[in-house]
Structure formats: structure tokens, C-alpha cells
Amino acid sequence: MNPRFVLHLLVVGLLGFGLLTGCKRKQKSESTVLPAPLPSTAATPEEAVAEVNRALELWTFKRGQPPKDLNELVTAGFMQRLPTPPAGKKFAFDPAKMRVQLVAE
């Protein structure tokens, strides 16, 4: 047998084997496991707003769309609970800007 032909068969065989074994696709997981959310450490209203906005940023990064409401951040595991707004105020969520701010009730 011609040595070049044998070498050709060997190279083609190894390449084919490498392609077959190296091209397996990994199954993409549908659910992304998030680390446990940290408890709220907000001491001021500004820190509470910043904490909710950080959770919204993470939500947007992971999901690419706004949540239906702020409670969805808690049920999906992005926050343990929503911080308590100061008396007479509430969190207002603007889905277009993906930001939360405090407004009068």
C-alpha cells in the first residue's frame, strides 16, 4: 500500500473522529439558578431605591424585559423582600426607564 494513502486515511479518520466527538452540543438550561438574594440592608430611603434598582438591573440583564410588577422581583428570587418605603411614600416603577423612585402615596 502507498504510504501517502495510508497517511491520508489516518488523517481523515482522526479528523472525522475529532469532529464527531468534539461537536456535541450542551443542553441549554431553561432556568438560571440565582444565588440567594441578600437581605435588605437599606438604612435610608435612597438606599432602598438603589437596592430595588440594582435588582431591576439584574432582572433586565437575565430576562431582557421588565417585570410585571416589583413583587415579581421577590417571587423570582432577585430580592428576599421589597424594602419598606418611608411613611407616606411608595415605590413607583417606570418600565420604560426600568427605574424605581419614591413618590407620595
PDB file of N, CA and C in Angstrom:
ATOM      1  N   MET A   1       0.829  -1.174   0.000  1.00  0.00           N
ATOM      2  CA  MET A   1       0.000   0.000   0.000  1.00  0.00           C
ATOM      3  C   MET A   1       0.879   1.244   0.000  1.00  0.00           C
ATOM      4  N   ASN A   2       0.415   2.274  -0.655  1.00  0.00           N
ATOM      5  CA  ASN A   2       1.143   3.526  -0.748  1.00  0.00           C
ATOM      6  C   ASN A   2       1.145   4.220   0.626  1.00  0.00           C
ATOM      7  N   PRO A   3       2.337   4.606   1.142  1.00  0.00           N
ATOM      8  CA  PRO A   3       2.399   5.255   2.463  1.00  0.00           C
ATOM      9  C   PRO A   3       1.626   6.570   2.506  1.00  0.00           C
ATOM     10  N   ARG A   4       1.560   7.299   1.393  1.00  0.00           N
ATOM     11  CA  ARG A   4       0.811   8.555   1.375  1.00  0.00           C
ATOM     12  C   ARG A   4      -0.684   8.280   1.550  1.00  0.00           C
ATOM     13  N   PHE A   5      -1.153   7.219   0.936  1.00  0.00           N
ATOM     14  CA  PHE A   5      -2.562   6.862   1.046  1.00  0.00           C
ATOM     15  C   PHE A   5      -2.905   6.475   2.482  1.00  0.00           C
ATOM     16  N   VAL A   6      -2.033   5.715   3.109  1.00  0.00           N
ATOM     17  CA  VAL A   6      -2.243   5.313   4.496  1.00  0.00           C
ATOM     18  C   VAL A   6      -2.255   6.544   5.399  1.00  0.00           C
ATOM     19  N   LEU A   7      -1.328   7.463   5.175  1.00  0.00           N
ATOM     20  CA  LEU A   7      -1.274   8.700   5.955  1.00  0.00           C
ATOM     21  C   LEU A   7      -2.547   9.507   5.734  1.00  0.00           C
ATOM     22  N   HIS A   8      -3.007   9.571   4.500  1.00  0.00           N
ATOM     23  CA  HIS A   8      -4.244  10.298   4.175  1.00  0.00           C
ATOM     24  C   HIS A   8      -5.427   9.691   4.927  1.00  0.00           C
ATOM     25  N   LEU A   9      -5.559   8.368   4.920  1.00  0.00           N
ATOM     26  CA  LEU A   9      -6.651   7.705   5.630  1.00  0.00           C
ATOM     27  C   LEU A   9      -6.569   7.964   7.133  1.00  0.00           C
ATOM     28  N   LEU A  10      -5.377   7.956   7.665  1.00  0.00           N
ATOM     29  CA  LEU A  10      -5.181   8.188   9.089  1.00  0.00           C
ATOM     30  C   LEU A  10      -5.613   9.604   9.466  1.00  0.00           C
ATOM     31  N   VAL A  11      -5.183  10.597   8.682  1.00  0.00           N
ATOM     32  CA  VAL A  11      -5.528  11.997   8.968  1.00  0.00           C
ATOM     33  C   VAL A  11      -7.028  12.207   8.832  1.00  0.00           C
ATOM     34  N   VAL A  12      -7.625  11.705   7.754  1.00  0.00           N
ATOM     35  CA  VAL A  12      -9.061  11.866   7.547  1.00  0.00           C
ATOM     36  C   VAL A  12      -9.837  11.176   8.664  1.00  0.00           C
ATOM     37  N   GLY A  13      -9.403  10.014   9.047  1.00  0.00           N
ATOM     38  CA  GLY A  13     -10.073   9.285  10.126  1.00  0.00           C
ATOM     39  C   GLY A  13     -10.000  10.021  11.447  1.00  0.00           C
ATOM     40  N   LEU A  14      -8.833  10.552  11.782  1.00  0.00           N
ATOM     41  CA  LEU A  14      -8.689  11.287  13.043  1.00  0.00           C
ATOM     42  C   LEU A  14      -9.500  12.572  13.031  1.00  0.00           C
ATOM     43  N   LEU A  15      -9.500  13.270  11.899  1.00  0.00           N
ATOM     44  CA  LEU A  15     -10.295  14.491  11.804  1.00  0.00           C
ATOM     45  C   LEU A  15     -11.779  14.186  11.947  1.00  0.00           C
ATOM     46  N   GLY A  16     -12.230  13.149  11.281  1.00  0.00           N
ATOM     47  CA  GLY A  16     -13.637  12.766  11.370  1.00  0.00           C
ATOM     48  C   GLY A  16     -14.019  12.374  12.783  1.00  0.00           C
ATOM     49  N   PHE A  17     -13.166  11.630  13.456  1.00  0.00           N
ATOM     50  CA  PHE A  17     -13.430  11.231  14.832  1.00  0.00           C
ATOM     51  C   PHE A  17     -13.462  12.453  15.740  1.00  0.00           C
ATOM     52  N   GLY A  18     -12.530  13.372  15.526  1.00  0.00           N
ATOM     53  CA  GLY A  18     -12.491  14.592  16.340  1.00  0.00           C
ATOM     54  C   GLY A  18     -13.720  15.444  16.130  1.00  0.00           C
ATOM     55  N   LEU A  19     -14.175  15.532  14.902  1.00  0.00           N
ATOM     56  CA  LEU A  19     -15.379  16.319  14.631  1.00  0.00           C
ATOM     57  C   LEU A  19     -16.603  15.683  15.260  1.00  0.00           C
ATOM     58  N   LEU A  20     -16.690  14.370  15.181  1.00  0.00           N
ATOM     59  CA  LEU A  20     -17.850  13.693  15.742  1.00  0.00           C
ATOM     60  C   LEU A  20     -17.891  13.780  17.260  1.00  0.00           C
ATOM     61  N   THR A  21     -16.760  13.675  17.905  1.00  0.00           N
ATOM     62  CA  THR A  21     -16.752  13.686  19.363  1.00  0.00           C
ATOM     63  C   THR A  21     -16.684  15.090  19.935  1.00  0.00           C
ATOM     64  N   GLY A  22     -16.160  16.040  19.189  1.00  0.00           N
ATOM     65  CA  GLY A  22     -15.996  17.392  19.721  1.00  0.00           C
ATOM     66  C   GLY A  22     -17.148  18.325  19.447  1.00  0.00           C
ATOM     67  N   CYS A  23     -18.117  17.923  18.674  1.00  0.00           N
ATOM     68  CA  CYS A  23     -19.198  18.829  18.281  1.00  0.00           C
ATOM     69  C   CYS A  23     -20.493  18.552  19.020  1.00  0.00           C
ATOM     70  N   LYS A  24     -20.428  17.888  20.121  1.00  0.00           N
ATOM     71  CA  LYS A  24     -21.646  17.644  20.884  1.00  0.00           C
ATOM     72  C   LYS A  24     -22.092  18.952  21.520  1.00  0.00           C
ATOM     73  N   ARG A  25     -23.366  19.260  21.366  1.00  0.00           N
ATOM     74  CA  ARG A  25     -23.903  20.477  21.970  1.00  0.00           C
ATOM     75  C   ARG A  25     -24.344  20.194  23.387  1.00  0.00           C
ATOM     76  N   LYS A  26     -24.071  21.149  24.232  1.00  0.00           N
ATOM     77  CA  LYS A  26     -24.564  21.042  25.593  1.00  0.00           C
ATOM     78  C   LYS A  26     -25.997  21.538  25.623  1.00  0.00           C
ATOM     79  N   GLN A  27     -26.815  20.866  26.388  1.00  0.00           N
ATOM     80  CA  GLN A  27     -28.194  21.296  26.533  1.00  0.00           C
ATOM     81  C   GLN A  27     -28.213  22.595  27.326  1.00  0.00           C
ATOM     82  N   LYS A  28     -28.930  23.578  26.809  1.00  0.00           N
ATOM     83  CA  LYS A  28     -29.041  24.853  27.494  1.00  0.00           C
ATOM     84  C   LYS A  28     -30.125  24.732  28.560  1.00  0.00           C
ATOM     85  N   SER A  29     -29.767  25.080  29.753  1.00  0.00           N
ATOM     86  CA  SER A  29     -30.713  25.002  30.841  1.00  0.00           C
ATOM     87  C   SER A  29     -31.739  26.120  30.713  1.00  0.00           C
ATOM     88  N   GLU A  30     -32.997  25.797  30.891  1.00  0.00           N
ATOM     89  CA  GLU A  30     -34.064  26.790  30.796  1.00  0.00           C
ATOM     90  C   GLU A  30     -34.062  27.711  32.005  1.00  0.00           C
ATOM     91  N   SER A  31     -33.768  27.191  33.171  1.00  0.00           N
ATOM     92  CA  SER A  31     -33.805  28.033  34.356  1.00  0.00           C
ATOM     93  C   SER A  31     -32.386  28.335  34.820  1.00  0.00           C
ATOM     94  N   THR A  32     -32.139  29.590  35.065  1.00  0.00           N
ATOM     95  CA  THR A  32     -30.853  30.011  35.575  1.00  0.00           C
ATOM     96  C   THR A  32     -30.954  30.087  37.085  1.00  0.00           C
ATOM     97  N   VAL A  33     -30.070  29.400  37.780  1.00  0.00           N
ATOM     98  CA  VAL A  33     -30.096  29.417  39.227  1.00  0.00           C
ATOM     99  C   VAL A  33     -29.386  30.672  39.700  1.00  0.00           C
ATOM    100  N   LEU A  34     -30.098  31.458  40.462  1.00  0.00           N
ATOM    101  CA  LEU A  34     -29.537  32.684  41.024  1.00  0.00           C
ATOM    102  C   LEU A  34     -29.012  32.396  42.419  1.00  0.00           C
ATOM    103  N   PRO A  35     -27.973  33.125  42.833  1.00  0.00           N
ATOM    104  CA  PRO A  35     -27.557  32.983  44.223  1.00  0.00           C
ATOM    105  C   PRO A  35     -28.647  33.528  45.125  1.00  0.00           C
ATOM    106  N   ALA A  36     -28.683  33.059  46.343  1.00  0.00           N
ATOM    107  CA  ALA A  36     -29.700  33.531  47.285  1.00  0.00           C
ATOM    108  C   ALA A  36     -29.588  35.042  47.446  1.00  0.00           C
ATOM    109  N   PRO A  37     -30.716  35.751  47.352  1.00  0.00           N
ATOM    110  CA  PRO A  37     -30.653  37.203  47.494  1.00  0.00           C
ATOM    111  C   PRO A  37     -30.268  37.590  48.909  1.00  0.00           C
ATOM    112  N   LEU A  38     -29.548  38.677  49.012  1.00  0.00           N
ATOM    113  CA  LEU A  38     -29.139  39.167  50.314  1.00  0.00           C
ATOM    114  C   LEU A  38     -30.301  39.868  50.989  1.00  0.00           C
ATOM    115  N   PRO A  39     -30.357  39.831  52.318  1.00  0.00           N
ATOM    116  CA  PRO A  39     -31.418  40.569  53.000  1.00  0.00           C
ATOM    117  C   PRO A  39     -31.217  42.062  52.798  1.00  0.00           C
ATOM    118  N   SER A  40     -32.300  42.794  52.895  1.00  0.00           N
ATOM    119  CA  SER A  40     -32.235  44.237  52.701  1.00  0.00           C
ATOM    120  C   SER A  40     -31.356  44.868  53.778  1.00  0.00           C
ATOM    121  N   THR A  41     -30.461  45.742  53.333  1.00  0.00           N
ATOM    122  CA  THR A  41     -29.596  46.471  54.269  1.00  0.00           C
ATOM    123  C   THR A  41     -29.837  47.970  54.159  1.00  0.00           C
ATOM    124  N   ALA A  42     -30.932  48.356  53.493  1.00  0.00           N
ATOM    125  CA  ALA A  42     -31.215  49.764  53.263  1.00  0.00           C
ATOM    126  C   ALA A  42     -31.517  50.465  54.586  1.00  0.00           C
ATOM    127  N   ALA A  43     -30.736  51.493  54.892  1.00  0.00           N
ATOM    128  CA  ALA A  43     -30.935  52.274  56.114  1.00  0.00           C
ATOM    129  C   ALA A  43     -31.635  53.598  55.807  1.00  0.00           C
ATOM    130  N   THR A  44     -31.578  54.023  54.559  1.00  0.00           N
ATOM    131  CA  THR A  44     -32.199  55.292  54.162  1.00  0.00           C
ATOM    132  C   THR A  44     -33.118  55.036  52.971  1.00  0.00           C
ATOM    133  N   PRO A  45     -34.049  55.956  52.715  1.00  0.00           N
ATOM    134  CA  PRO A  45     -34.905  55.789  51.531  1.00  0.00           C
ATOM    135  C   PRO A  45     -34.105  55.715  50.233  1.00  0.00           C
ATOM    136  N   GLU A  46     -33.026  56.474  50.141  1.00  0.00           N
ATOM    137  CA  GLU A  46     -32.188  56.455  48.932  1.00  0.00           C
ATOM    138  C   GLU A  46     -31.550  55.094  48.729  1.00  0.00           C
ATOM    139  N   GLU A  47     -31.101  54.477  49.830  1.00  0.00           N
ATOM    140  CA  GLU A  47     -30.508  53.138  49.733  1.00  0.00           C
ATOM    141  C   GLU A  47     -31.555  52.105  49.331  1.00  0.00           C
ATOM    142  N   ALA A  48     -32.792  52.265  49.800  1.00  0.00           N
ATOM    143  CA  ALA A  48     -33.869  51.345  49.435  1.00  0.00           C
ATOM    144  C   ALA A  48     -34.148  51.428  47.931  1.00  0.00           C
ATOM    145  N   VAL A  49     -34.204  52.651  47.412  1.00  0.00           N
ATOM    146  CA  VAL A  49     -34.432  52.835  45.972  1.00  0.00           C
ATOM    147  C   VAL A  49     -33.273  52.221  45.181  1.00  0.00           C
ATOM    148  N   ALA A  50     -32.043  52.449  45.631  1.00  0.00           N
ATOM    149  CA  ALA A  50     -30.871  51.903  44.941  1.00  0.00           C
ATOM    150  C   ALA A  50     -30.895  50.372  44.961  1.00  0.00           C
ATOM    151  N   GLU A  51     -31.321  49.790  46.072  1.00  0.00           N
ATOM    152  CA  GLU A  51     -31.381  48.333  46.188  1.00  0.00           C
ATOM    153  C   GLU A  51     -32.392  47.742  45.200  1.00  0.00           C
ATOM    154  N   VAL A  52     -33.558  48.361  45.094  1.00  0.00           N
ATOM    155  CA  VAL A  52     -34.576  47.878  44.157  1.00  0.00           C
ATOM    156  C   VAL A  52     -34.094  48.067  42.719  1.00  0.00           C
ATOM    157  N   ASN A  53     -33.442  49.186  42.445  1.00  0.00           N
ATOM    158  CA  ASN A  53     -32.937  49.432  41.089  1.00  0.00           C
ATOM    159  C   ASN A  53     -31.842  48.443  40.706  1.00  0.00           C
ATOM    160  N   ARG A  54     -31.002  48.030  41.664  1.00  0.00           N
ATOM    161  CA  ARG A  54     -29.989  47.001  41.370  1.00  0.00           C
ATOM    162  C   ARG A  54     -30.665  45.685  41.010  1.00  0.00           C
ATOM    163  N   ALA A  55     -31.713  45.315  41.741  1.00  0.00           N
ATOM    164  CA  ALA A  55     -32.452  44.082  41.434  1.00  0.00           C
ATOM    165  C   ALA A  55     -33.094  44.178  40.053  1.00  0.00           C
ATOM    166  N   LEU A  56     -33.609  45.358  39.706  1.00  0.00           N
ATOM    167  CA  LEU A  56     -34.190  45.556  38.367  1.00  0.00           C
ATOM    168  C   LEU A  56     -33.137  45.419  37.276  1.00  0.00           C
ATOM    169  N   GLU A  57     -31.938  45.944  37.521  1.00  0.00           N
ATOM    170  CA  GLU A  57     -30.856  45.818  36.535  1.00  0.00           C
ATOM    171  C   GLU A  57     -30.494  44.358  36.316  1.00  0.00           C
ATOM    172  N   LEU A  58     -30.411  43.599  37.410  1.00  0.00           N
ATOM    173  CA  LEU A  58     -30.101  42.168  37.302  1.00  0.00           C
ATOM    174  C   LEU A  58     -31.225  41.447  36.562  1.00  0.00           C
ATOM    175  N   TRP A  59     -32.459  41.776  36.892  1.00  0.00           N
ATOM    176  CA  TRP A  59     -33.616  41.188  36.205  1.00  0.00           C
ATOM    177  C   TRP A  59     -33.513  41.431  34.705  1.00  0.00           C
ATOM    178  N   THR A  60     -33.267  42.682  34.331  1.00  0.00           N
ATOM    179  CA  THR A  60     -33.197  43.047  32.915  1.00  0.00           C
ATOM    180  C   THR A  60     -32.054  42.323  32.219  1.00  0.00           C
ATOM    181  N   PHE A  61     -30.907  42.212  32.898  1.00  0.00           N
ATOM    182  CA  PHE A  61     -29.763  41.509  32.323  1.00  0.00           C
ATOM    183  C   PHE A  61     -30.097  40.042  32.082  1.00  0.00           C
ATOM    184  N   LYS A  62     -30.760  39.413  33.041  1.00  0.00           N
ATOM    185  CA  LYS A  62     -31.066  37.985  32.938  1.00  0.00           C
ATOM    186  C   LYS A  62     -32.252  37.697  32.020  1.00  0.00           C
ATOM    187  N   ARG A  63     -33.263  38.570  32.051  1.00  0.00           N
ATOM    188  CA  ARG A  63     -34.513  38.255  31.358  1.00  0.00           C
ATOM    189  C   ARG A  63     -34.777  39.104  30.118  1.00  0.00           C
ATOM    190  N   GLY A  64     -34.149  40.273  30.004  1.00  0.00           N
ATOM    191  CA  GLY A  64     -34.293  41.094  28.819  1.00  0.00           C
ATOM    192  C   GLY A  64     -35.612  41.827  28.669  1.00  0.00           C
ATOM    193  N   GLN A  65     -36.418  41.840  29.690  1.00  0.00           N
ATOM    194  CA  GLN A  65     -37.699  42.545  29.642  1.00  0.00           C
ATOM    195  C   GLN A  65     -38.069  42.972  31.059  1.00  0.00           C
ATOM    196  N   PRO A  66     -38.935  43.959  31.198  1.00  0.00           N
ATOM    197  CA  PRO A  66     -39.288  44.414  32.546  1.00  0.00           C
ATOM    198  C   PRO A  66     -40.201  43.423  33.252  1.00  0.00           C
ATOM    199  N   PRO A  67     -40.148  43.398  34.588  1.00  0.00           N
ATOM    200  CA  PRO A  67     -41.106  42.559  35.323  1.00  0.00           C
ATOM    201  C   PRO A  67     -42.502  43.175  35.242  1.00  0.00           C
ATOM    202  N   LYS A  68     -43.512  42.360  35.511  1.00  0.00           N
ATOM    203  CA  LYS A  68     -44.890  42.871  35.506  1.00  0.00           C
ATOM    204  C   LYS A  68     -45.090  43.887  36.616  1.00  0.00           C
ATOM    205  N   ASP A  69     -44.519  43.576  37.781  1.00  0.00           N
ATOM    206  CA  ASP A  69     -44.557  44.496  38.910  1.00  0.00           C
ATOM    207  C   ASP A  69     -43.362  44.202  39.804  1.00  0.00           C
ATOM    208  N   LEU A  70     -43.170  45.024  40.817  1.00  0.00           N
ATOM    209  CA  LEU A  70     -41.994  44.871  41.682  1.00  0.00           C
ATOM    210  C   LEU A  70     -42.043  43.592  42.509  1.00  0.00           C
ATOM    211  N   ASN A  71     -43.225  43.096  42.812  1.00  0.00           N
ATOM    212  CA  ASN A  71     -43.334  41.853  43.583  1.00  0.00           C
ATOM    213  C   ASN A  71     -42.738  40.670  42.834  1.00  0.00           C
ATOM    214  N   GLU A  72     -42.689  40.757  41.526  1.00  0.00           N
ATOM    215  CA  GLU A  72     -42.100  39.679  40.726  1.00  0.00           C
ATOM    216  C   GLU A  72     -40.602  39.538  41.004  1.00  0.00           C
ATOM    217  N   LEU A  73     -39.946  40.634  41.408  1.00  0.00           N
ATOM    218  CA  LEU A  73     -38.530  40.559  41.789  1.00  0.00           C
ATOM    219  C   LEU A  73     -38.341  39.631  42.982  1.00  0.00           C
ATOM    220  N   VAL A  74     -39.309  39.637  43.884  1.00  0.00           N
ATOM    221  CA  VAL A  74     -39.238  38.787  45.077  1.00  0.00           C
ATOM    222  C   VAL A  74     -39.598  37.350  44.731  1.00  0.00           C
ATOM    223  N   THR A  75     -40.695  37.156  44.001  1.00  0.00           N
ATOM    224  CA  THR A  75     -41.132  35.785  43.697  1.00  0.00           C
ATOM    225  C   THR A  75     -40.142  35.051  42.799  1.00  0.00           C
ATOM    226  N   ALA A  76     -39.385  35.800  41.973  1.00  0.00           N
ATOM    227  CA  ALA A  76     -38.396  35.170  41.097  1.00  0.00           C
ATOM    228  C   ALA A  76     -37.036  35.008  41.775  1.00  0.00           C
ATOM    229  N   GLY A  77     -36.891  35.503  43.012  1.00  0.00           N
ATOM    230  CA  GLY A  77     -35.653  35.291  43.755  1.00  0.00           C
ATOM    231  C   GLY A  77     -34.595  36.357  43.558  1.00  0.00           C
ATOM    232  N   PHE A  78     -34.944  37.499  43.004  1.00  0.00           N
ATOM    233  CA  PHE A  78     -33.968  38.570  42.829  1.00  0.00           C
ATOM    234  C   PHE A  78     -33.812  39.408  44.095  1.00  0.00           C
ATOM    235  N   MET A  79     -34.800  39.345  44.992  1.00  0.00           N
ATOM    236  CA  MET A  79     -34.757  40.026  46.287  1.00  0.00           C
ATOM    237  C   MET A  79     -35.456  39.126  47.301  1.00  0.00           C
ATOM    238  N   GLN A  80     -35.056  39.221  48.580  1.00  0.00           N
ATOM    239  CA  GLN A  80     -35.772  38.465  49.614  1.00  0.00           C
ATOM    240  C   GLN A  80     -37.134  39.094  49.870  1.00  0.00           C
ATOM    241  N   ARG A  81     -37.146  40.416  49.913  1.00  0.00           N
ATOM    242  CA  ARG A  81     -38.388  41.165  50.069  1.00  0.00           C
ATOM    243  C   ARG A  81     -38.135  42.591  49.618  1.00  0.00           C
ATOM    244  N   LEU A  82     -39.201  43.297  49.301  1.00  0.00           N
ATOM    245  CA  LEU A  82     -39.050  44.708  48.944  1.00  0.00           C
ATOM    246  C   LEU A  82     -38.795  45.507  50.222  1.00  0.00           C
ATOM    247  N   PRO A  83     -37.874  46.474  50.178  1.00  0.00           N
ATOM    248  CA  PRO A  83     -37.675  47.319  51.352  1.00  0.00           C
ATOM    249  C   PRO A  83     -38.958  48.095  51.656  1.00  0.00           C
ATOM    250  N   THR A  84     -39.145  48.433  52.905  1.00  0.00           N
ATOM    251  CA  THR A  84     -40.314  49.204  53.306  1.00  0.00           C
ATOM    252  C   THR A  84     -40.077  50.676  52.997  1.00  0.00           C
ATOM    253  N   PRO A  85     -40.960  51.291  52.194  1.00  0.00           N
ATOM    254  CA  PRO A  85     -40.782  52.715  51.904  1.00  0.00           C
ATOM    255  C   PRO A  85     -41.125  53.550  53.140  1.00  0.00           C
ATOM    256  N   PRO A  86     -40.627  54.784  53.206  1.00  0.00           N
ATOM    257  CA  PRO A  86     -40.959  55.633  54.347  1.00  0.00           C
ATOM    258  C   PRO A  86     -42.462  55.944  54.391  1.00  0.00           C
ATOM    259  N   ALA A  87     -42.928  56.354  55.538  1.00  0.00           N
ATOM    260  CA  ALA A  87     -44.350  56.671  55.714  1.00  0.00           C
ATOM    261  C   ALA A  87     -44.785  57.722  54.700  1.00  0.00           C
ATOM    262  N   GLY A  88     -45.939  57.496  54.079  1.00  0.00           N
ATOM    263  CA  GLY A  88     -46.484  58.437  53.115  1.00  0.00           C
ATOM    264  C   GLY A  88     -45.890  58.325  51.721  1.00  0.00           C
ATOM    265  N   LYS A  89     -44.978  57.376  51.508  1.00  0.00           N
ATOM    266  CA  LYS A  89     -44.330  57.196  50.198  1.00  0.00           C
ATOM    267  C   LYS A  89     -44.587  55.775  49.700  1.00  0.00           C
ATOM    268  N   LYS A  90     -44.389  55.594  48.407  1.00  0.00           N
ATOM    269  CA  LYS A  90     -44.448  54.261  47.813  1.00  0.00           C
ATOM    270  C   LYS A  90     -43.459  54.204  46.664  1.00  0.00           C
ATOM    271  N   PHE A  91     -43.087  52.990  46.276  1.00  0.00           N
ATOM    272  CA  PHE A  91     -42.201  52.801  45.138  1.00  0.00           C
ATOM    273  C   PHE A  91     -43.021  52.924  43.859  1.00  0.00           C
ATOM    274  N   ALA A  92     -42.543  53.725  42.921  1.00  0.00           N
ATOM    275  CA  ALA A  92     -43.176  53.842  41.609  1.00  0.00           C
ATOM    276  C   ALA A  92     -42.195  53.293  40.584  1.00  0.00           C
ATOM    277  N   PHE A  93     -42.663  52.315  39.814  1.00  0.00           N
ATOM    278  CA  PHE A  93     -41.822  51.645  38.822  1.00  0.00           C
ATOM    279  C   PHE A  93     -42.155  52.189  37.444  1.00  0.00           C
ATOM    280  N   ASP A  94     -41.144  52.668  36.726  1.00  0.00           N
ATOM    281  CA  ASP A  94     -41.304  53.146  35.348  1.00  0.00           C
ATOM    282  C   ASP A  94     -40.694  52.091  34.425  1.00  0.00           C
ATOM    283  N   PRO A  95     -41.524  51.232  33.797  1.00  0.00           N
ATOM    284  CA  PRO A  95     -40.979  50.160  32.955  1.00  0.00           C
ATOM    285  C   PRO A  95     -40.216  50.672  31.734  1.00  0.00           C
ATOM    286  N   ALA A  96     -40.564  51.854  31.239  1.00  0.00           N
ATOM    287  CA  ALA A  96     -39.864  52.393  30.068  1.00  0.00           C
ATOM    288  C   ALA A  96     -38.417  52.737  30.414  1.00  0.00           C
ATOM    289  N   LYS A  97     -38.200  53.283  31.602  1.00  0.00           N
ATOM    290  CA  LYS A  97     -36.852  53.653  32.042  1.00  0.00           C
ATOM    291  C   LYS A  97     -36.192  52.561  32.873  1.00  0.00           C
ATOM    292  N   MET A  98     -36.979  51.555  33.261  1.00  0.00           N
ATOM    293  CA  MET A  98     -36.508  50.467  34.149  1.00  0.00           C
ATOM    294  C   MET A  98     -35.904  51.040  35.427  1.00  0.00           C
ATOM    295  N   ARG A  99     -36.597  51.983  36.010  1.00  0.00           N
ATOM    296  CA  ARG A  99     -36.142  52.611  37.249  1.00  0.00           C
ATOM    297  C   ARG A  99     -37.289  52.683  38.234  1.00  0.00           C
ATOM    298  N   VAL A 100     -36.938  52.724  39.514  1.00  0.00           N
ATOM    299  CA  VAL A 100     -37.884  52.900  40.602  1.00  0.00           C
ATOM    300  C   VAL A 100     -37.549  54.199  41.294  1.00  0.00           C
ATOM    301  N   GLN A 101     -38.570  54.872  41.745  1.00  0.00           N
ATOM    302  CA  GLN A 101     -38.365  56.062  42.566  1.00  0.00           C
ATOM    303  C   GLN A 101     -39.435  56.108  43.633  1.00  0.00           C
ATOM    304  N   LEU A 102     -39.233  56.898  44.671  1.00  0.00           N
ATOM    305  CA  LEU A 102     -40.214  57.080  45.714  1.00  0.00           C
ATOM    306  C   LEU A 102     -41.117  58.242  45.335  1.00  0.00           C
ATOM    307  N   VAL A 103     -42.430  58.036  45.490  1.00  0.00           N
ATOM    308  CA  VAL A 103     -43.412  59.084  45.228  1.00  0.00           C
ATOM    309  C   VAL A 103     -44.400  59.109  46.385  1.00  0.00           C
ATOM    310  N   ALA A 104     -45.106  60.219  46.505  1.00  0.00           N
ATOM    311  CA  ALA A 104     -46.120  60.354  47.535  1.00  0.00           C
ATOM    312  C   ALA A 104     -47.273  59.383  47.251  1.00  0.00           C
ATOM    313  N   GLU A 105     -47.852  58.833  48.320  1.00  0.00           N
ATOM    314  CA  GLU A 105     -48.979  57.903  48.149  1.00  0.00           C
ATOM    315  C   GLU A 105     -50.226  58.642  47.766  1.00  0.00           C
TER     316      GLU A 105
END
